[in-house]
C-alpha atoms as a PDB file:
ATOM      1  CA  MET A   1      -0.004  -0.090   0.012  1.00  0.00           C
ATOM      2  CA  LYS A   2       1.477   3.353  -0.981  1.00  0.00           C
ATOM      3  CA  SER A   3       2.055   5.913   1.708  1.00  0.00           C
ATOM      4  CA  ALA A   4      -0.399   8.829   1.681  1.00  0.00           C
ATOM      5  CA  ILE A   5       1.020  12.171   1.317  1.00  0.00           C
ATOM      6  CA  TRP A   6      -1.080  15.051   2.479  1.00  0.00           C
ATOM      7  CA  LEU A   7      -0.814  18.472   3.859  1.00  0.00           C
ATOM      8  CA  LEU A   8      -2.553  20.065   6.872  1.00  0.00           C
ATOM      9  CA  THR A   9      -2.199  23.860   7.274  1.00  0.00           C
ATOM     10  CA  LEU A  10      -2.283  25.044  10.837  1.00  0.00           C
ATOM     11  CA  VAL A  11      -2.336  28.773  11.276  1.00  0.00           C
ATOM     12  CA  LEU A  12      -1.077  29.994  14.615  1.00  0.00           C
ATOM     13  CA  SER A  13      -0.070  33.285  16.062  1.00  0.00           C
ATOM     14  CA  SER A  14       2.469  34.327  18.669  1.00  0.00           C
ATOM     15  CA  ALA A  15      -0.114  36.913  19.938  1.00  0.00           C
ATOM     16  CA  THR A  16      -3.247  36.111  21.708  1.00  0.00           C
ATOM     17  CA  LEU A  17      -6.245  37.907  20.146  1.00  0.00           C
ATOM     18  CA  ARG A  18      -9.934  37.746  20.543  1.00  0.00           C
ATOM     19  CA  ALA A  19     -12.075  36.441  17.643  1.00  0.00           C
ATOM     20  CA  GLY A  20     -12.466  39.018  14.853  1.00  0.00           C
ATOM     21  CA  GLU A  21      -9.247  40.868  15.566  1.00  0.00           C
ATOM     22  CA  CYS A  22      -6.360  40.988  13.062  1.00  0.00           C
ATOM     23  CA  GLU A  23      -3.405  38.730  13.079  1.00  0.00           C
ATOM     24  CA  ASP A  24      -0.148  38.507  11.097  1.00  0.00           C
ATOM     25  CA  ASN A  25       0.015  35.218   9.449  1.00  0.00           C
ATOM     26  CA  ASN A  26       2.961  35.975   7.089  1.00  0.00           C
ATOM     27  CA  ILE A  27       4.580  32.971   8.764  1.00  0.00           C
ATOM     28  CA  ARG A  28       2.625  29.640   9.124  1.00  0.00           C
ATOM     29  CA  ILE A  29       3.476  26.128  10.118  1.00  0.00           C
ATOM     30  CA  VAL A  30       2.498  23.403   7.600  1.00  0.00           C
ATOM     31  CA  GLU A  31       2.415  19.830   8.840  1.00  0.00           C
ATOM     32  CA  VAL A  32       3.455  17.356   6.170  1.00  0.00           C
ATOM     33  CA  MET A  33       2.792  13.644   6.699  1.00  0.00           C
ATOM     34  CA  ASP A  34       4.298  10.914   4.709  1.00  0.00           C
ATOM     35  CA  GLY A  35       3.847   7.528   6.234  1.00  0.00           C
ATOM     36  CA  PRO A  36       5.257   7.349   9.793  1.00  0.00           C
ATOM     37  CA  THR A  37       7.242  10.719   9.463  1.00  0.00           C
ATOM     38  CA  ARG A  38       5.733  14.032  10.144  1.00  0.00           C
ATOM     39  CA  LYS A  39       7.561  17.168   9.184  1.00  0.00           C
ATOM     40  CA  LEU A  40       6.862  20.713  10.495  1.00  0.00           C
ATOM     41  CA  VAL A  41       7.520  23.171   7.742  1.00  0.00           C
ATOM     42  CA  ALA A  42       7.712  26.998   8.029  1.00  0.00           C
ATOM     43  CA  LYS A  43       5.963  28.708   5.144  1.00  0.00           C
ATOM     44  CA  GLY A  44       6.289  32.452   4.431  1.00  0.00           C
ATOM     45  CA  ASP A  45       3.545  34.283   2.463  1.00  0.00           C
ATOM     46  CA  ASN A  46       4.793  37.848   2.101  1.00  0.00           C
ATOM     47  CA  CYS A  47       7.948  37.122   4.042  1.00  0.00           C
ATOM     48  CA  MET A  48      11.203  35.547   3.019  1.00  0.00           C
ATOM     49  CA  TYR A  49      13.414  36.604   6.100  1.00  0.00           C
ATOM     50  CA  ALA A  50      12.203  35.852   9.572  1.00  0.00           C
ATOM     51  CA  THR A  51      13.511  34.322  12.810  1.00  0.00           C
ATOM     52  CA  ILE A  52      11.397  31.396  14.233  1.00  0.00           C
ATOM     53  CA  THR A  53      11.455  29.961  17.840  1.00  0.00           C
ATOM     54  CA  LEU A  54       9.742  26.473  17.867  1.00  0.00           C
ATOM     55  CA  THR A  55       8.896  24.468  20.936  1.00  0.00           C
ATOM     56  CA  VAL A  56       7.352  20.905  20.721  1.00  0.00           C
ATOM     57  CA  THR A  57       6.273  18.568  23.509  1.00  0.00           C
ATOM     58  CA  LEU A  58       6.303  14.878  22.621  1.00  0.00           C
ATOM     59  CA  ASP A  59       4.596  11.664  23.785  1.00  0.00           C
ATOM     60  CA  ASN A  60       6.160   8.481  22.391  1.00  0.00           C
ATOM     61  CA  MET A  61       7.780  10.410  19.651  1.00  0.00           C
ATOM     62  CA  THR A  62      11.378  11.373  18.563  1.00  0.00           C
ATOM     63  CA  ALA A  63      12.340  14.640  17.113  1.00  0.00           C
ATOM     64  CA  SER A  64      15.276  15.377  14.729  1.00  0.00           C
ATOM     65  CA  GLN A  65      16.102  18.660  16.595  1.00  0.00           C
ATOM     66  CA  ARG A  66      16.368  19.822  20.083  1.00  0.00           C
ATOM     67  CA  PHE A  67      13.891  22.343  21.538  1.00  0.00           C
ATOM     68  CA  PRO A  68      13.595  25.234  21.835  1.00  0.00           C
ATOM     69  CA  LEU A  69      14.695  25.486  18.137  1.00  0.00           C
ATOM     70  CA  ILE A  70      15.768  28.777  16.772  1.00  0.00           C
ATOM     71  CA  VAL A  71      16.007  29.105  13.066  1.00  0.00           C
ATOM     72  CA  ASP A  72      16.054  31.841  10.367  1.00  0.00           C
ATOM     73  CA  LEU A  73      14.009  31.765   7.218  1.00  0.00           C
ATOM     74  CA  ASN A  74      16.843  33.220   5.184  1.00  0.00           C
ATOM     75  CA  GLY A  75      15.788  34.200   1.678  1.00  0.00           C
ATOM     76  CA  THR A  76      13.283  31.570   1.071  1.00  0.00           C
ATOM     77  CA  ASN A  77       9.522  31.011   1.659  1.00  0.00           C
ATOM     78  CA  SER A  78       9.790  27.337   2.865  1.00  0.00           C
ATOM     79  CA  LEU A  79      11.918  25.647   5.388  1.00  0.00           C
ATOM     80  CA  THR A  80      11.636  22.151   7.067  1.00  0.00           C
ATOM     81  CA  LEU A  81      11.994  22.816  10.814  1.00  0.00           C
ATOM     82  CA  VAL A  82      11.884  19.206  12.324  1.00  0.00           C
ATOM     83  CA  SER A  83      10.972  15.698  11.599  1.00  0.00           C
ATOM     84  CA  LEU A  84       8.962  13.623  14.048  1.00  0.00           C
ATOM     85  CA  GLN A  85       8.528   9.859  14.214  1.00  0.00           C
ATOM     86  CA  GLN A  86       6.695   7.579  16.520  1.00  0.00           C
ATOM     87  CA  ASP A  87       8.907   5.616  18.981  1.00  0.00           C
ATOM     88  CA  LYS A  88       6.924   2.434  19.906  1.00  0.00           C
ATOM     89  CA  PRO A  89       4.618   1.063  17.404  1.00  0.00           C
ATOM     90  CA  HIS A  90       0.992   0.085  18.286  1.00  0.00           C
ATOM     91  CA  GLN A  91       1.111   2.523  21.237  1.00  0.00           C
ATOM     92  CA  SER A  92      -0.598   5.960  21.384  1.00  0.00           C
ATOM     93  CA  TRP A  93       1.402   8.947  20.457  1.00  0.00           C
ATOM     94  CA  HIS A  94       0.867  12.717  20.633  1.00  0.00           C
ATOM     95  CA  TYR A  95       2.856  15.991  19.984  1.00  0.00           C
ATOM     96  CA  HIS A  96       1.944  19.680  20.449  1.00  0.00           C
ATOM     97  CA  TYR A  97       3.927  22.679  19.169  1.00  0.00           C
ATOM     98  CA  HIS A  98       3.979  26.425  19.556  1.00  0.00           C
ATOM     99  CA  PHE A  99       6.054  28.874  17.613  1.00  0.00           C
ATOM    100  CA  ASP A 100       6.951  32.646  17.835  1.00  0.00           C
ATOM    101  CA  TRP A 101       8.345  34.631  14.966  1.00  0.00           C
ATOM    102  CA  ARG A 102       9.651  38.106  13.995  1.00  0.00           C
ATOM    103  CA  PRO A 103      10.365  39.400  10.547  1.00  0.00           C
ATOM    104  CA  GLY A 104      14.003  40.041   9.777  1.00  0.00           C
ATOM    105  CA  GLY A 105      16.907  37.750  10.774  1.00  0.00           C
ATOM    106  CA  ARG A 106      19.825  37.262  13.108  1.00  0.00           C
ATOM    107  CA  SER A 107      23.373  38.660  12.440  1.00  0.00           C
ATOM    108  CA  GLY A 108      26.410  39.670  14.342  1.00  0.00           C
ATOM    109  CA  ALA A 109      25.912  43.290  13.451  1.00  0.00           C
ATOM    110  CA  THR A 110      25.934  45.690  16.519  1.00  0.00           C
ATOM    111  CA  GLY A 111      25.936  48.994  14.600  1.00  0.00           C
ATOM    112  CA  SER A 112      26.778  50.720  11.530  1.00  0.00           C
ATOM    113  CA  ASP A 113      28.519  53.859  10.259  1.00  0.00           C
ATOM    114  CA  TYR A 114      26.139  54.083   7.422  1.00  0.00           C
ATOM    115  CA  ILE A 115      24.275  57.514   7.261  1.00  0.00           C
ATOM    116  CA  TYR A 116      20.659  56.930   6.521  1.00  0.00           C
ATOM    117  CA  ALA A 117      18.458  59.047   4.573  1.00  0.00           C
ATOM    118  CA  LEU A 118      15.173  60.312   6.105  1.00  0.00           C
ATOM    119  CA  PRO A 119      12.232  57.836   5.196  1.00  0.00           C
ATOM    120  CA  TYR A 120      10.443  60.538   3.239  1.00  0.00           C
ATOM    121  CA  ARG A 121      11.177  62.911   0.471  1.00  0.00           C
ATOM    122  CA  ASP A 122       8.601  65.837   0.631  1.00  0.00           C
ATOM    123  CA  GLY A 123       8.716  68.393   3.382  1.00  0.00           C
ATOM    124  CA  LYS A 124       9.546  68.245   7.004  1.00  0.00           C
ATOM    125  CA  HIS A 125       8.041  66.012   9.678  1.00  0.00           C
ATOM    126  CA  GLY A 126       8.204  66.182  13.452  1.00  0.00           C
ATOM    127  CA  VAL A 127       9.699  63.450  15.644  1.00  0.00           C
ATOM    128  CA  HIS A 128       7.062  62.522  17.984  1.00  0.00           C
ATOM    129  CA  GLN A 129       8.916  59.895  19.737  1.00  0.00           C
ATOM    130  CA  GLY A 130      12.664  59.586  19.714  1.00  0.00           C
ATOM    131  CA  TYR A 131      15.086  57.070  20.954  1.00  0.00           C
ATOM    132  CA  GLN A 132      14.215  55.652  24.459  1.00  0.00           C
ATOM    133  CA  GLY A 133      10.951  57.645  24.299  1.00  0.00           C
ATOM    134  CA  SER A 134       8.686  57.083  27.326  1.00  0.00           C
ATOM    135  CA  TYR A 135       5.579  56.103  25.435  1.00  0.00           C
ATOM    136  CA  SER A 136       6.692  52.858  23.792  1.00  0.00           C
ATOM    137  CA  HIS A 137      10.377  53.180  23.071  1.00  0.00           C
ATOM    138  CA  GLN A 138      11.585  52.497  26.655  1.00  0.00           C
ATOM    139  CA  ARG A 139      15.089  51.432  27.460  1.00  0.00           C
ATOM    140  CA  GLY A 140      15.241  47.650  27.097  1.00  0.00           C
ATOM    141  CA  SER A 141      12.253  47.368  24.870  1.00  0.00           C
ATOM    142  CA  ALA A 142      12.198  46.054  21.344  1.00  0.00           C
ATOM    143  CA  ASN A 143      11.882  49.642  20.128  1.00  0.00           C
ATOM    144  CA  GLU A 144      14.600  51.372  22.174  1.00  0.00           C
ATOM    145  CA  TYR A 145      16.304  52.982  19.157  1.00  0.00           C
ATOM    146  CA  ALA A 146      13.100  53.593  17.031  1.00  0.00           C
ATOM    147  CA  LEU A 147      11.865  56.824  15.712  1.00  0.00           C
ATOM    148  CA  ASP A 148       8.165  57.969  15.159  1.00  0.00           C
ATOM    149  CA  PHE A 149       7.665  60.607  12.548  1.00  0.00           C
ATOM    150  CA  GLY A 150       4.251  62.352  12.718  1.00  0.00           C
ATOM    151  CA  MET A 151       2.805  62.585   9.191  1.00  0.00           C
ATOM    152  CA  PRO A 152      -0.592  62.524   7.569  1.00  0.00           C
ATOM    153  CA  VAL A 153      -2.119  59.271   6.265  1.00  0.00           C
ATOM    154  CA  GLY A 154      -1.001  58.652   2.612  1.00  0.00           C
ATOM    155  CA  THR A 155       2.409  60.349   2.928  1.00  0.00           C
ATOM    156  CA  PRO A 156       4.987  58.548   0.648  1.00  0.00           C
ATOM    157  CA  VAL A 157       7.319  56.418   2.661  1.00  0.00           C
ATOM    158  CA  CYS A 158      10.775  55.835   1.148  1.00  0.00           C
ATOM    159  CA  ALA A 159      13.646  53.556   1.766  1.00  0.00           C
ATOM    160  CA  SER A 160      16.308  55.124   3.939  1.00  0.00           C
ATOM    161  CA  ARG A 161      18.970  52.622   2.741  1.00  0.00           C
ATOM    162  CA  ALA A 162      19.243  50.345  -0.228  1.00  0.00           C
ATOM    163  CA  GLY A 163      18.400  46.678   0.163  1.00  0.00           C
ATOM    164  CA  ILE A 164      15.923  44.062  -0.713  1.00  0.00           C
ATOM    165  CA  VAL A 165      12.283  43.710   0.475  1.00  0.00           C
ATOM    166  CA  ALA A 166      12.483  41.047   3.120  1.00  0.00           C
ATOM    167  CA  ALA A 167       8.743  41.073   4.165  1.00  0.00           C
ATOM    168  CA  PHE A 168       5.594  43.240   4.029  1.00  0.00           C
ATOM    169  CA  ARG A 169       2.088  43.365   5.146  1.00  0.00           C
ATOM    170  CA  GLN A 170      -0.750  45.534   3.857  1.00  0.00           C
ATOM    171  CA  ASP A 171      -4.079  43.878   4.554  1.00  0.00           C
ATOM    172  CA  SER A 172      -4.864  45.516   7.884  1.00  0.00           C
ATOM    173  CA  ASP A 173      -7.102  48.498   8.370  1.00  0.00           C
ATOM    174  CA  SER A 174      -7.198  48.304  12.224  1.00  0.00           C
ATOM    175  CA  GLY A 175      -5.384  50.466  14.640  1.00  0.00           C
ATOM    176  CA  GLY A 176      -5.646  52.426  17.897  1.00  0.00           C
ATOM    177  CA  PRO A 177      -3.921  53.354  21.305  1.00  0.00           C
ATOM    178  CA  ASP A 178      -4.486  49.889  22.900  1.00  0.00           C
ATOM    179  CA  MET A 179      -1.893  47.038  22.948  1.00  0.00           C
ATOM    180  CA  LYS A 180      -4.429  44.745  21.502  1.00  0.00           C
ATOM    181  CA  PHE A 181      -3.692  46.413  18.123  1.00  0.00           C
ATOM    182  CA  VAL A 182       0.091  45.584  18.221  1.00  0.00           C
ATOM    183  CA  PRO A 183      -0.230  42.703  15.794  1.00  0.00           C
ATOM    184  CA  CYS A 184      -2.387  44.761  13.333  1.00  0.00           C
ATOM    185  CA  ALA A 185       0.253  47.068  11.808  1.00  0.00           C
ATOM    186  CA  ASN A 186       1.073  47.027   8.053  1.00  0.00           C
ATOM    187  CA  TYR A 187       4.826  47.182   7.367  1.00  0.00           C
ATOM    188  CA  VAL A 188       7.708  46.813   4.883  1.00  0.00           C
ATOM    189  CA  ILE A 189      10.892  45.303   6.223  1.00  0.00           C
ATOM    190  CA  VAL A 190      14.191  45.866   4.182  1.00  0.00           C
ATOM    191  CA  LYS A 191      17.275  43.723   4.396  1.00  0.00           C
ATOM    192  CA  HIS A 192      20.643  45.607   4.171  1.00  0.00           C
ATOM    193  CA  ASP A 193      23.957  44.204   2.782  1.00  0.00           C
ATOM    194  CA  ASP A 194      25.515  44.226   6.383  1.00  0.00           C
ATOM    195  CA  GLY A 195      22.768  41.889   7.835  1.00  0.00           C
ATOM    196  CA  THR A 196      20.750  44.584   9.479  1.00  0.00           C
ATOM    197  CA  PHE A 197      17.052  45.289   8.675  1.00  0.00           C
ATOM    198  CA  ALA A 198      14.936  48.493   8.647  1.00  0.00           C
ATOM    199  CA  GLU A 199      11.360  48.353   9.424  1.00  0.00           C
ATOM    200  CA  TYR A 200       8.713  50.804   8.271  1.00  0.00           C
ATOM    201  CA  TYR A 201       5.504  50.397  10.283  1.00  0.00           C
ATOM    202  CA  HIS A 202       1.982  51.606  10.637  1.00  0.00           C
ATOM    203  CA  LEU A 203       1.427  51.874   6.833  1.00  0.00           C
ATOM    204  CA  LYS A 204      -1.766  52.466   5.132  1.00  0.00           C
ATOM    205  CA  LYS A 205      -3.912  49.534   3.875  1.00  0.00           C
ATOM    206  CA  ASN A 206      -2.954  48.356   0.449  1.00  0.00           C
ATOM    207  CA  SER A 207      -0.372  50.975   0.023  1.00  0.00           C
ATOM    208  CA  VAL A 208       2.861  48.879  -0.356  1.00  0.00           C
ATOM    209  CA  THR A 209       4.398  49.607  -3.704  1.00  0.00           C
ATOM    210  CA  VAL A 210       7.133  46.983  -3.599  1.00  0.00           C
ATOM    211  CA  ARG A 211       7.129  43.173  -3.945  1.00  0.00           C
ATOM    212  CA  LEU A 212       8.878  40.478  -2.023  1.00  0.00           C
ATOM    213  CA  GLY A 213      12.584  40.155  -2.839  1.00  0.00           C
ATOM    214  CA  GLN A 214      12.652  43.303  -4.897  1.00  0.00           C
ATOM    215  CA  PRO A 215      15.812  45.495  -4.686  1.00  0.00           C
ATOM    216  CA  VAL A 216      15.027  48.992  -3.467  1.00  0.00           C
ATOM    217  CA  ALA A 217      17.232  52.128  -3.746  1.00  0.00           C
ATOM    218  CA  VAL A 218      17.759  54.933  -1.302  1.00  0.00           C
ATOM    219  CA  GLY A 219      14.782  57.332  -1.708  1.00  0.00           C
ATOM    220  CA  GLU A 220      12.542  54.799  -3.576  1.00  0.00           C
ATOM    221  CA  GLN A 221       8.920  54.864  -2.406  1.00  0.00           C
ATOM    222  CA  ILE A 222       7.875  51.653  -0.685  1.00  0.00           C
ATOM    223  CA  GLY A 223       4.429  52.541   0.615  1.00  0.00           C
ATOM    224  CA  GLN A 224       2.317  55.200   2.226  1.00  0.00           C
ATOM    225  CA  SER A 225       2.072  56.214   5.937  1.00  0.00           C
ATOM    226  CA  GLY A 226      -0.920  55.283   7.941  1.00  0.00           C
ATOM    227  CA  ASP A 227      -2.333  54.582  11.357  1.00  0.00           C
ATOM    228  CA  THR A 228      -2.559  50.799  11.589  1.00  0.00           C
ATOM    229  CA  GLY A 229      -1.343  48.755  14.653  1.00  0.00           C
ATOM    230  CA  PHE A 230      -0.643  50.115  18.037  1.00  0.00           C
ATOM    231  CA  SER A 231      -0.922  53.940  17.296  1.00  0.00           C
ATOM    232  CA  SER A 232      -2.229  56.957  19.056  1.00  0.00           C
ATOM    233  CA  ALA A 233      -2.051  59.197  15.859  1.00  0.00           C
ATOM    234  CA  PRO A 234      -0.994  58.821  12.230  1.00  0.00           C
ATOM    235  CA  HIS A 235       2.763  58.407  11.965  1.00  0.00           C
ATOM    236  CA  LEU A 236       5.633  56.365  10.598  1.00  0.00           C
ATOM    237  CA  HIS A 237       7.566  54.126  12.887  1.00  0.00           C
ATOM    238  CA  MET A 238      11.115  53.395  11.729  1.00  0.00           C
ATOM    239  CA  SER A 239      14.150  51.386  13.320  1.00  0.00           C
ATOM    240  CA  VAL A 240      17.205  49.414  12.298  1.00  0.00           C
ATOM    241  CA  PHE A 241      17.334  46.072  14.033  1.00  0.00           C
ATOM    242  CA  ARG A 242      18.606  42.460  14.253  1.00  0.00           C
ATOM    243  CA  ASN A 243      16.736  39.603  15.730  1.00  0.00           C
ATOM    244  CA  VAL A 244      17.926  37.512  18.739  1.00  0.00           C
ATOM    245  CA  ASP A 245      15.118  34.741  18.359  1.00  0.00           C
ATOM    246  CA  GLY A 246      11.477  34.497  17.462  1.00  0.00           C
ATOM    247  CA  LYS A 247      10.406  36.849  20.252  1.00  0.00           C
ATOM    248  CA  THR A 248      13.300  39.257  21.001  1.00  0.00           C
ATOM    249  CA  ARG A 249      15.228  41.755  18.892  1.00  0.00           C
ATOM    250  CA  ILE A 250      17.831  44.547  19.293  1.00  0.00           C
ATOM    251  CA  THR A 251      17.375  47.831  17.707  1.00  0.00           C
ATOM    252  CA  MET A 252      20.449  50.138  16.884  1.00  0.00           C
ATOM    253  CA  PRO A 253      21.068  53.683  16.987  1.00  0.00           C
ATOM    254  CA  VAL A 254      22.027  55.036  13.602  1.00  0.00           C
ATOM    255  CA  GLN A 255      22.798  58.350  11.929  1.00  0.00           C
ATOM    256  CA  TYR A 256      20.414  60.166   9.626  1.00  0.00           C
ATOM    257  CA  GLN A 257      21.191  62.767   7.141  1.00  0.00           C
ATOM    258  CA  THR A 258      19.432  66.086   7.922  1.00  0.00           C
ATOM    259  CA  ASP A 259      19.599  69.673   6.536  1.00  0.00           C
ATOM    260  CA  THR A 260      22.362  70.449   9.005  1.00  0.00           C
ATOM    261  CA  GLY A 261      24.394  67.227   8.564  1.00  0.00           C
ATOM    262  CA  ALA A 262      24.521  63.783   9.862  1.00  0.00           C
ATOM    263  CA  ALA A 263      22.862  63.302  13.287  1.00  0.00           C
ATOM    264  CA  THR A 264      22.980  60.110  15.413  1.00  0.00           C
ATOM    265  CA  GLN A 265      19.939  61.100  17.565  1.00  0.00           C
ATOM    266  CA  LEU A 266      17.143  63.001  16.093  1.00  0.00           C
ATOM    267  CA  GLU A 267      15.519  65.154  18.815  1.00  0.00           C
ATOM    268  CA  GLN A 268      11.866  64.448  20.000  1.00  0.00           C
ATOM    269  CA  GLY A 269       9.755  67.649  19.276  1.00  0.00           C
ATOM    270  CA  LYS A 270      11.921  68.734  16.364  1.00  0.00           C
ATOM    271  CA  SER A 271      11.073  68.736  12.633  1.00  0.00           C
ATOM    272  CA  TYR A 272      13.513  67.373   9.956  1.00  0.00           C
END
């Protein structure tokens, strides 16, 4: 009798949401069964760079990897994470898994001398929250060295550094000043040649103008600003980062080119 091969797609999220609220499903786990072997495969939709942390509990089964397993989806949209097999035949078996993920990737980069362009090209915009801002950029957070530029919805957002499009999302129209909206943001992630990534967050629904894997140049439009996700007012959130695992990342202070020269820290309350 031939082995049956079939796919079961299980969509999970690292965030807990009530029914009807948005989730970011750019990374999914697909269970592939072929006879006695079961494989857990990470699939990226609009994402080809991500860091995944996978945990699996086993009963009468053996895994090909140890857990927690931390892996990078590195320029592909499919990666086999682990193979599972039953230990003792004719006895019951069970497994359960959970995963967390972040767009981007891991690298040894700790900083850069690169001078970034401002992420827009028309007019000046105020810095509503700077490095280590008290609202959501606190020291030790995942956004410690992020910047929030206030700007009207629909303002063109441009790449601050050349790279390739690592991930994007544009299907959400939900946002507000409540933590439940954290997973609802639209975004574009750009990978740089030194292994760092830039994120452009809170974008307007259906405004992304680039495709996955596309090279982008400095100043090239990648989307439009919006008010999606955890947001108290329309703005663009930008940071440069590297991942630690599927839950944790490190943002980095970088220099931006302004009218008066390169500045490492743009001041909150000023326009650039």
